[in-house]
């Protein structure tokens, strides 16, 4: 397997897995924090309640 940041070969036994080092792990975290990475799948209408106060079902 390769580190998703620097593409260096790594094994699952590496304590920083799936990264090769703490440096690559921090770079990845920074990419998420800066908005470089996004989750592209939009929410479906059924994925969230229509009314945020309606978390509990009333019987």
PDB file of N, CA and C in Angstrom:
ATOM      1  N   UNK A   1       0.835  -1.166   0.000  1.00  0.00           N
ATOM      2  CA  UNK A   1       0.000   0.000   0.000  1.00  0.00           C
ATOM      3  C   UNK A   1       0.884   1.234   0.000  1.00  0.00           C
ATOM      4  N   UNK A   2       0.334   2.342  -0.525  1.00  0.00           N
ATOM      5  CA  UNK A   2       1.096   3.588  -0.575  1.00  0.00           C
ATOM      6  C   UNK A   2       0.441   4.656   0.293  1.00  0.00           C
ATOM      7  N   UNK A   3       1.280   5.495   0.880  1.00  0.00           N
ATOM      8  CA  UNK A   3       0.813   6.622   1.673  1.00  0.00           C
ATOM      9  C   UNK A   3      -0.011   7.538   0.757  1.00  0.00           C
ATOM     10  N   UNK A   4      -1.208   7.950   1.179  1.00  0.00           N
ATOM     11  CA  UNK A   4      -2.038   8.785   0.309  1.00  0.00           C
ATOM     12  C   UNK A   4      -1.467  10.185   0.063  1.00  0.00           C
ATOM     13  N   UNK A   5      -0.501  10.614   0.839  1.00  0.00           N
ATOM     14  CA  UNK A   5       0.072  11.948   0.674  1.00  0.00           C
ATOM     15  C   UNK A   5       1.338  11.914  -0.182  1.00  0.00           C
ATOM     16  N   UNK A   6       2.334  11.121   0.215  1.00  0.00           N
ATOM     17  CA  UNK A   6       3.622  11.142  -0.505  1.00  0.00           C
ATOM     18  C   UNK A   6       3.834   9.938  -1.416  1.00  0.00           C
ATOM     19  N   UNK A   7       2.917   8.984  -1.355  1.00  0.00           N
ATOM     20  CA  UNK A   7       2.955   7.785  -2.195  1.00  0.00           C
ATOM     21  C   UNK A   7       4.098   6.828  -1.853  1.00  0.00           C
ATOM     22  N   UNK A   8       4.723   6.966  -0.685  1.00  0.00           N
ATOM     23  CA  UNK A   8       5.764   6.049  -0.233  1.00  0.00           C
ATOM     24  C   UNK A   8       5.129   4.716   0.139  1.00  0.00           C
ATOM     25  N   UNK A   9       5.794   3.606  -0.183  1.00  0.00           N
ATOM     26  CA  UNK A   9       5.300   2.272   0.163  1.00  0.00           C
ATOM     27  C   UNK A   9       5.293   2.100   1.684  1.00  0.00           C
ATOM     28  N   UNK A  10       4.171   1.568   2.210  1.00  0.00           N
ATOM     29  CA  UNK A  10       4.056   1.317   3.645  1.00  0.00           C
ATOM     30  C   UNK A  10       3.383  -0.032   3.872  1.00  0.00           C
ATOM     31  N   UNK A  11       3.450  -0.508   5.107  1.00  0.00           N
ATOM     32  CA  UNK A  11       2.778  -1.752   5.474  1.00  0.00           C
ATOM     33  C   UNK A  11       1.773  -1.453   6.575  1.00  0.00           C
ATOM     34  N   UNK A  12       0.862  -2.384   6.799  1.00  0.00           N
ATOM     35  CA  UNK A  12      -0.150  -2.209   7.848  1.00  0.00           C
ATOM     36  C   UNK A  12       0.465  -2.192   9.238  1.00  0.00           C
ATOM     37  N   UNK A  13       1.661  -2.691   9.387  1.00  0.00           N
ATOM     38  CA  UNK A  13       2.328  -2.708  10.684  1.00  0.00           C
ATOM     39  C   UNK A  13       2.873  -1.337  11.070  1.00  0.00           C
ATOM     40  N   UNK A  14       2.936  -0.400  10.131  1.00  0.00           N
ATOM     41  CA  UNK A  14       3.435   0.940  10.399  1.00  0.00           C
ATOM     42  C   UNK A  14       2.519   1.609  11.419  1.00  0.00           C
ATOM     43  N   UNK A  15       3.065   2.151  12.515  1.00  0.00           N
ATOM     44  CA  UNK A  15       2.219   2.775  13.543  1.00  0.00           C
ATOM     45  C   UNK A  15       1.443   3.993  13.045  1.00  0.00           C
ATOM     46  N   UNK A  16       1.842   4.597  11.959  1.00  0.00           N
ATOM     47  CA  UNK A  16       1.147   5.757  11.402  1.00  0.00           C
ATOM     48  C   UNK A  16       0.158   5.360  10.301  1.00  0.00           C
ATOM     49  N   UNK A  17      -0.036   4.067  10.071  1.00  0.00           N
ATOM     50  CA  UNK A  17      -0.904   3.570   9.006  1.00  0.00           C
ATOM     51  C   UNK A  17      -2.250   4.290   9.019  1.00  0.00           C
ATOM     52  N   UNK A  18      -2.785   4.730   7.917  1.00  0.00           N
ATOM     53  CA  UNK A  18      -2.411   4.491   6.529  1.00  0.00           C
ATOM     54  C   UNK A  18      -1.401   5.483   5.969  1.00  0.00           C
ATOM     55  N   UNK A  19      -0.800   6.298   6.836  1.00  0.00           N
ATOM     56  CA  UNK A  19       0.227   7.237   6.401  1.00  0.00           C
ATOM     57  C   UNK A  19       1.599   6.667   6.713  1.00  0.00           C
ATOM     58  N   UNK A  20       2.643   7.235   6.095  1.00  0.00           N
ATOM     59  CA  UNK A  20       3.992   6.729   6.346  1.00  0.00           C
ATOM     60  C   UNK A  20       4.636   7.417   7.540  1.00  0.00           C
ATOM     61  N   UNK A  21       4.135   8.599   7.904  1.00  0.00           N
ATOM     62  CA  UNK A  21       4.740   9.358   8.996  1.00  0.00           C
ATOM     63  C   UNK A  21       3.721  10.306   9.614  1.00  0.00           C
ATOM     64  N   UNK A  22       4.092  10.862  10.751  1.00  0.00           N
ATOM     65  CA  UNK A  22       3.236  11.853  11.396  1.00  0.00           C
ATOM     66  C   UNK A  22       3.121  13.090  10.507  1.00  0.00           C
ATOM     67  N   UNK A  23       4.172  13.432   9.782  1.00  0.00           N
ATOM     68  CA  UNK A  23       4.139  14.579   8.878  1.00  0.00           C
ATOM     69  C   UNK A  23       3.033  14.431   7.848  1.00  0.00           C
ATOM     70  N   UNK A  24       2.935  13.268   7.207  1.00  0.00           N
ATOM     71  CA  UNK A  24       1.891  13.041   6.208  1.00  0.00           C
ATOM     72  C   UNK A  24       0.506  13.045   6.843  1.00  0.00           C
ATOM     73  N   UNK A  25       0.389  12.527   8.053  1.00  0.00           N
ATOM     74  CA  UNK A  25      -0.889  12.536   8.772  1.00  0.00           C
ATOM     75  C   UNK A  25      -1.347  13.975   9.020  1.00  0.00           C
ATOM     76  N   UNK A  26      -0.416  14.855   9.438  1.00  0.00           N
ATOM     77  CA  UNK A  26      -0.751  16.255   9.710  1.00  0.00           C
ATOM     78  C   UNK A  26      -1.096  16.989   8.408  1.00  0.00           C
ATOM     79  N   UNK A  27      -0.397  16.697   7.333  1.00  0.00           N
ATOM     80  CA  UNK A  27      -0.724  17.303   6.035  1.00  0.00           C
ATOM     81  C   UNK A  27      -2.145  16.928   5.632  1.00  0.00           C
ATOM     82  N   UNK A  28      -2.506  15.669   5.807  1.00  0.00           N
ATOM     83  CA  UNK A  28      -3.855  15.217   5.469  1.00  0.00           C
ATOM     84  C   UNK A  28      -4.897  15.934   6.323  1.00  0.00           C
ATOM     85  N   UNK A  29      -4.645  16.061   7.610  1.00  0.00           N
ATOM     86  CA  UNK A  29      -5.565  16.771   8.499  1.00  0.00           C
ATOM     87  C   UNK A  29      -5.722  18.224   8.057  1.00  0.00           C
ATOM     88  N   UNK A  30      -4.618  18.851   7.681  1.00  0.00           N
ATOM     89  CA  UNK A  30      -4.667  20.231   7.198  1.00  0.00           C
ATOM     90  C   UNK A  30      -5.482  20.355   5.929  1.00  0.00           C
ATOM     91  N   UNK A  31      -5.390  19.357   5.050  1.00  0.00           N
ATOM     92  CA  UNK A  31      -6.191  19.375   3.818  1.00  0.00           C
ATOM     93  C   UNK A  31      -7.676  19.330   4.126  1.00  0.00           C
ATOM     94  N   UNK A  32      -8.075  18.526   5.099  1.00  0.00           N
ATOM     95  CA  UNK A  32      -9.487  18.484   5.505  1.00  0.00           C
ATOM     96  C   UNK A  32      -9.897  19.815   6.117  1.00  0.00           C
ATOM     97  N   UNK A  33      -9.055  20.357   7.006  1.00  0.00           N
ATOM     98  CA  UNK A  33      -9.393  21.597   7.706  1.00  0.00           C
ATOM     99  C   UNK A  33      -9.498  22.790   6.762  1.00  0.00           C
ATOM    100  N   UNK A  34      -8.696  22.796   5.703  1.00  0.00           N
ATOM    101  CA  UNK A  34      -8.707  23.931   4.768  1.00  0.00           C
ATOM    102  C   UNK A  34      -9.808  23.825   3.723  1.00  0.00           C
ATOM    103  N   UNK A  35     -10.495  22.678   3.684  1.00  0.00           N
ATOM    104  CA  UNK A  35     -11.568  22.498   2.706  1.00  0.00           C
ATOM    105  C   UNK A  35     -11.096  21.941   1.377  1.00  0.00           C
ATOM    106  N   UNK A  36      -9.844  21.505   1.313  1.00  0.00           N
ATOM    107  CA  UNK A  36      -9.339  20.922   0.073  1.00  0.00           C
ATOM    108  C   UNK A  36     -10.066  19.625  -0.258  1.00  0.00           C
ATOM    109  N   UNK A  37     -10.411  18.866   0.770  1.00  0.00           N
ATOM    110  CA  UNK A  37     -11.175  17.637   0.591  1.00  0.00           C
ATOM    111  C   UNK A  37     -12.643  17.928   0.886  1.00  0.00           C
ATOM    112  N   UNK A  38     -13.529  17.353   0.099  1.00  0.00           N
ATOM    113  CA  UNK A  38     -14.961  17.478   0.351  1.00  0.00           C
ATOM    114  C   UNK A  38     -15.620  16.131   0.117  1.00  0.00           C
ATOM    115  N   UNK A  39     -16.734  15.918   0.748  1.00  0.00           N
ATOM    116  CA  UNK A  39     -17.527  14.720   0.505  1.00  0.00           C
ATOM    117  C   UNK A  39     -18.513  15.082  -0.584  1.00  0.00           C
ATOM    118  N   UNK A  40     -18.406  14.414  -1.726  1.00  0.00           N
ATOM    119  CA  UNK A  40     -19.136  14.851  -2.909  1.00  0.00           C
ATOM    120  C   UNK A  40     -20.569  14.354  -3.003  1.00  0.00           C
ATOM    121  N   UNK A  41     -20.945  13.368  -2.240  1.00  0.00           N
ATOM    122  CA  UNK A  41     -22.292  12.828  -2.339  1.00  0.00           C
ATOM    123  C   UNK A  41     -23.259  13.709  -1.552  1.00  0.00           C
ATOM    124  N   UNK A  42     -24.250  14.292  -2.215  1.00  0.00           N
ATOM    125  CA  UNK A  42     -25.211  15.129  -1.479  1.00  0.00           C
ATOM    126  C   UNK A  42     -26.122  14.275  -0.598  1.00  0.00           C
ATOM    127  N   UNK A  43     -26.657  14.886   0.424  1.00  0.00           N
ATOM    128  CA  UNK A  43     -27.600  14.194   1.294  1.00  0.00           C
ATOM    129  C   UNK A  43     -28.886  13.912   0.548  1.00  0.00           C
ATOM    130  N   UNK A  44     -29.451  12.770   0.802  1.00  0.00           N
ATOM    131  CA  UNK A  44     -30.764  12.433   0.258  1.00  0.00           C
ATOM    132  C   UNK A  44     -31.821  13.085   1.146  1.00  0.00           C
ATOM    133  N   UNK A  45     -33.014  13.342   0.617  1.00  0.00           N
ATOM    134  CA  UNK A  45     -34.054  13.948   1.457  1.00  0.00           C
ATOM    135  C   UNK A  45     -34.350  13.149   2.726  1.00  0.00           C
ATOM    136  N   UNK A  46     -34.183  11.844   2.701  1.00  0.00           N
ATOM    137  CA  UNK A  46     -34.468  11.017   3.867  1.00  0.00           C
ATOM    138  C   UNK A  46     -33.324  10.921   4.859  1.00  0.00           C
ATOM    139  N   UNK A  47     -32.171  11.542   4.566  1.00  0.00           N
ATOM    140  CA  UNK A  47     -31.007  11.450   5.441  1.00  0.00           C
ATOM    141  C   UNK A  47     -31.055  12.374   6.646  1.00  0.00           C
ATOM    142  N   UNK A  48     -31.937  13.352   6.630  1.00  0.00           N
ATOM    143  CA  UNK A  48     -32.017  14.265   7.762  1.00  0.00           C
ATOM    144  C   UNK A  48     -33.481  14.606   8.029  1.00  0.00           C
ATOM    145  N   UNK A  49     -33.802  14.920   9.270  1.00  0.00           N
ATOM    146  CA  UNK A  49     -35.198  15.247   9.579  1.00  0.00           C
ATOM    147  C   UNK A  49     -35.605  16.577   8.944  1.00  0.00           C
ATOM    148  N   UNK A  50     -36.875  16.697   8.571  1.00  0.00           N
ATOM    149  CA  UNK A  50     -37.384  17.939   7.985  1.00  0.00           C
ATOM    150  C   UNK A  50     -37.400  19.048   9.016  1.00  0.00           C
ATOM    151  N   UNK A  51     -37.720  18.689  10.250  1.00  0.00           N
ATOM    152  CA  UNK A  51     -37.777  19.639  11.345  1.00  0.00           C
ATOM    153  C   UNK A  51     -36.683  19.261  12.340  1.00  0.00           C
ATOM    154  N   UNK A  52     -35.671  20.116  12.559  1.00  0.00           N
ATOM    155  CA  UNK A  52     -34.580  19.751  13.468  1.00  0.00           C
ATOM    156  C   UNK A  52     -35.032  19.457  14.887  1.00  0.00           C
ATOM    157  N   UNK A  53     -36.196  20.005  15.307  1.00  0.00           N
ATOM    158  CA  UNK A  53     -36.702  19.748  16.660  1.00  0.00           C
ATOM    159  C   UNK A  53     -37.455  18.432  16.743  1.00  0.00           C
ATOM    160  N   UNK A  54     -37.654  17.758  15.622  1.00  0.00           N
ATOM    161  CA  UNK A  54     -38.462  16.529  15.579  1.00  0.00           C
ATOM    162  C   UNK A  54     -37.565  15.294  15.598  1.00  0.00           C
ATOM    163  N   UNK A  55     -36.604  15.253  16.518  1.00  0.00           N
ATOM    164  CA  UNK A  55     -35.704  14.113  16.594  1.00  0.00           C
ATOM    165  C   UNK A  55     -36.372  12.870  17.158  1.00  0.00           C
ATOM    166  N   UNK A  56     -37.435  13.053  17.927  1.00  0.00           N
ATOM    167  CA  UNK A  56     -38.104  11.910  18.547  1.00  0.00           C
ATOM    168  C   UNK A  56     -39.448  11.685  17.869  1.00  0.00           C
ATOM    169  N   UNK A  57     -39.749  10.421  17.647  1.00  0.00           N
ATOM    170  CA  UNK A  57     -41.054  10.069  17.074  1.00  0.00           C
ATOM    171  C   UNK A  57     -42.107  10.112  18.165  1.00  0.00           C
ATOM    172  N   UNK A  58     -43.245  10.722  17.860  1.00  0.00           N
ATOM    173  CA  UNK A  58     -44.353  10.746  18.810  1.00  0.00           C
ATOM    174  C   UNK A  58     -45.350   9.676  18.420  1.00  0.00           C
ATOM    175  N   UNK A  59     -45.762   8.864  19.386  1.00  0.00           N
ATOM    176  CA  UNK A  59     -46.734   7.799  19.098  1.00  0.00           C
ATOM    177  C   UNK A  59     -48.126   8.231  19.462  1.00  0.00           C
TER     178      UNK A  59
END
